[in-house]
Amino acid sequence: QVQLVESGGGLVQTGGSLRLSCAASGNIFNINVMGWYRQAPGNQRELVARITSGDNIDYVESVKGRFTISRDNANRNTVYLQMNSLKPEDTAVYYCNLKFRFRAGDYWGQGTQVTVSS
């Protein structure tokens, strides 16, 4: 089994910052990619940022320069999403995602709410 435990969401004013964390545990050999997706009401789930096992990083255009994804130095199965200069349009439920190198399918965390007030 695979467990993804997220934390760090909350309510913040425009321009504020939050840091999300996601810790993976269980049968997690050969992780290929860990990342963050978000889903706002009425919208499809979208990729926000991802980091590969080789530390290649991608961001959706709308968060470039504001969000930073990183991996814990001591535990590479924990990733963070530092979110700065938050905007109301960043309001969504944020989900941690994991993909394996030799296993099909996506694994998801339970989601954490991020609300940015104007």
Protein backbone atom coordinates (compact mmCIF):
# COMPACT_ATOMS: atom_id res chain seq x y z
CA GLN A 1 0.00 0.00 0.00
CA VAL A 2 0.95 3.60 -0.54
CA GLN A 3 0.11 6.45 1.79
CA LEU A 4 0.41 10.12 0.97
CA VAL A 5 -0.09 12.45 3.91
CA GLU A 6 -0.48 16.14 3.17
CA SER A 7 -0.40 19.12 5.46
CA GLY A 8 -0.06 22.87 5.37
CA GLY A 9 -3.19 24.23 3.76
CA GLY A 10 -5.23 27.05 5.22
CA LEU A 11 -6.62 30.53 4.80
CA VAL A 12 -4.34 33.39 3.82
CA GLN A 13 -4.73 36.89 2.46
CA THR A 14 -3.69 37.93 -1.02
CA GLY A 15 0.08 38.22 -1.16
CA GLY A 16 0.60 35.79 1.66
CA SER A 17 2.48 32.52 1.76
CA LEU A 18 1.81 28.91 2.63
CA ARG A 19 3.91 25.77 2.52
CA LEU A 20 2.38 22.40 1.73
CA SER A 21 4.10 19.15 2.56
CA CYS A 22 3.49 15.61 1.35
CA ALA A 23 5.04 12.56 2.94
CA ALA A 24 4.92 9.25 1.07
CA SER A 25 5.17 5.95 2.91
CA GLY A 26 4.46 2.27 2.43
CA ASN A 27 5.44 0.34 -0.67
CA ILE A 28 7.15 3.26 -2.39
CA PHE A 29 10.10 1.78 -4.22
CA ASN A 30 10.97 3.24 -7.61
CA ILE A 31 9.12 6.55 -7.35
CA ASN A 32 9.26 8.33 -10.71
CA VAL A 33 7.49 11.62 -10.08
CA MET A 34 5.95 13.42 -7.13
CA GLY A 35 3.89 16.50 -7.63
CA TRP A 36 1.04 18.77 -6.69
CA TYR A 37 -2.26 19.19 -8.48
CA ARG A 38 -5.14 21.47 -7.60
CA GLN A 39 -8.84 21.55 -8.25
CA ALA A 40 -11.09 24.57 -7.81
CA PRO A 41 -14.89 24.23 -7.74
CA GLY A 42 -16.23 23.68 -11.24
CA ASN A 43 -12.75 23.22 -12.70
CA GLN A 44 -10.75 20.21 -13.77
CA ARG A 45 -7.84 19.07 -11.69
CA GLU A 46 -4.65 20.64 -13.00
CA LEU A 47 -0.96 20.05 -12.50
CA VAL A 48 0.70 22.76 -10.42
CA ALA A 49 4.26 21.47 -10.06
CA ARG A 50 6.14 18.20 -10.21
CA ILE A 51 9.61 16.91 -9.45
CA THR A 52 11.10 13.77 -10.93
CA SER A 53 13.42 11.26 -9.30
CA GLY A 54 16.21 13.02 -11.17
CA ASP A 55 15.10 16.36 -9.72
CA ASN A 56 13.74 17.76 -12.97
CA ILE A 57 11.02 20.27 -12.16
CA ASP A 58 8.01 21.58 -14.06
CA TYR A 59 5.49 24.27 -13.14
CA VAL A 60 2.23 25.38 -14.64
CA GLU A 61 2.73 28.79 -16.20
CA SER A 62 0.45 30.59 -13.76
CA VAL A 63 2.60 29.78 -10.72
CA LYS A 64 6.08 30.25 -12.16
CA GLY A 65 8.11 32.65 -10.06
CA ARG A 66 5.72 32.31 -7.12
CA PHE A 67 5.68 28.61 -6.20
CA THR A 68 8.63 26.35 -5.53
CA ILE A 69 8.55 22.57 -5.31
CA SER A 70 11.35 20.87 -3.43
CA ARG A 71 12.31 17.60 -1.85
CA ASP A 72 13.32 17.06 1.75
CA ASN A 73 17.08 16.61 1.99
CA ALA A 74 16.86 13.90 4.63
CA ASN A 75 13.84 12.07 3.24
CA ARG A 76 13.47 12.17 -0.53
CA ASN A 77 9.96 10.75 -0.21
CA THR A 78 8.74 14.05 1.23
CA VAL A 79 8.07 16.99 -1.05
CA TYR A 80 7.11 20.55 -0.33
CA LEU A 81 5.30 23.26 -2.23
CA GLN A 82 6.27 26.73 -1.10
CA MET A 83 3.59 29.14 -2.30
CA ASN A 84 4.38 32.86 -2.21
CA SER A 85 2.51 35.89 -3.49
CA LEU A 86 -0.72 33.97 -3.33
CA LYS A 87 -3.69 35.18 -5.35
CA PRO A 88 -7.42 34.47 -4.98
CA GLU A 89 -7.24 32.38 -8.14
CA ASP A 90 -4.90 29.99 -6.32
CA THR A 91 -7.82 28.97 -4.12
CA ALA A 92 -8.39 25.24 -4.57
CA VAL A 93 -7.98 21.86 -3.00
CA TYR A 94 -4.36 20.83 -3.49
CA TYR A 95 -3.55 17.16 -3.97
CA CYS A 96 -0.24 15.39 -3.70
CA ASN A 97 0.39 12.96 -6.54
CA LEU A 98 2.84 10.12 -6.97
CA LYS A 99 3.74 8.05 -10.01
CA PHE A 100 5.95 4.99 -10.03
CA ARG A 101 8.54 4.00 -12.56
CA PHE A 102 7.34 0.40 -13.04
CA ARG A 103 3.78 0.57 -11.71
CA ALA A 104 0.80 1.94 -13.61
CA GLY A 105 -1.58 4.48 -12.19
CA ASP A 106 -1.59 7.57 -10.01
CA TYR A 107 -1.61 7.74 -6.25
CA TRP A 108 -3.26 10.67 -4.52
CA GLY A 109 -3.28 12.29 -1.13
CA GLN A 110 -6.48 13.25 0.63
CA GLY A 111 -6.24 16.89 -0.45
CA THR A 112 -5.69 20.05 1.53
CA GLN A 113 -7.71 23.23 1.13
CA VAL A 114 -5.95 26.47 0.25
CA THR A 115 -8.08 29.60 0.40
CA VAL A 116 -6.75 33.01 -0.56
CA SER A 117 -8.93 35.93 0.43
CA SER A 118 -8.95 39.19 -1.49
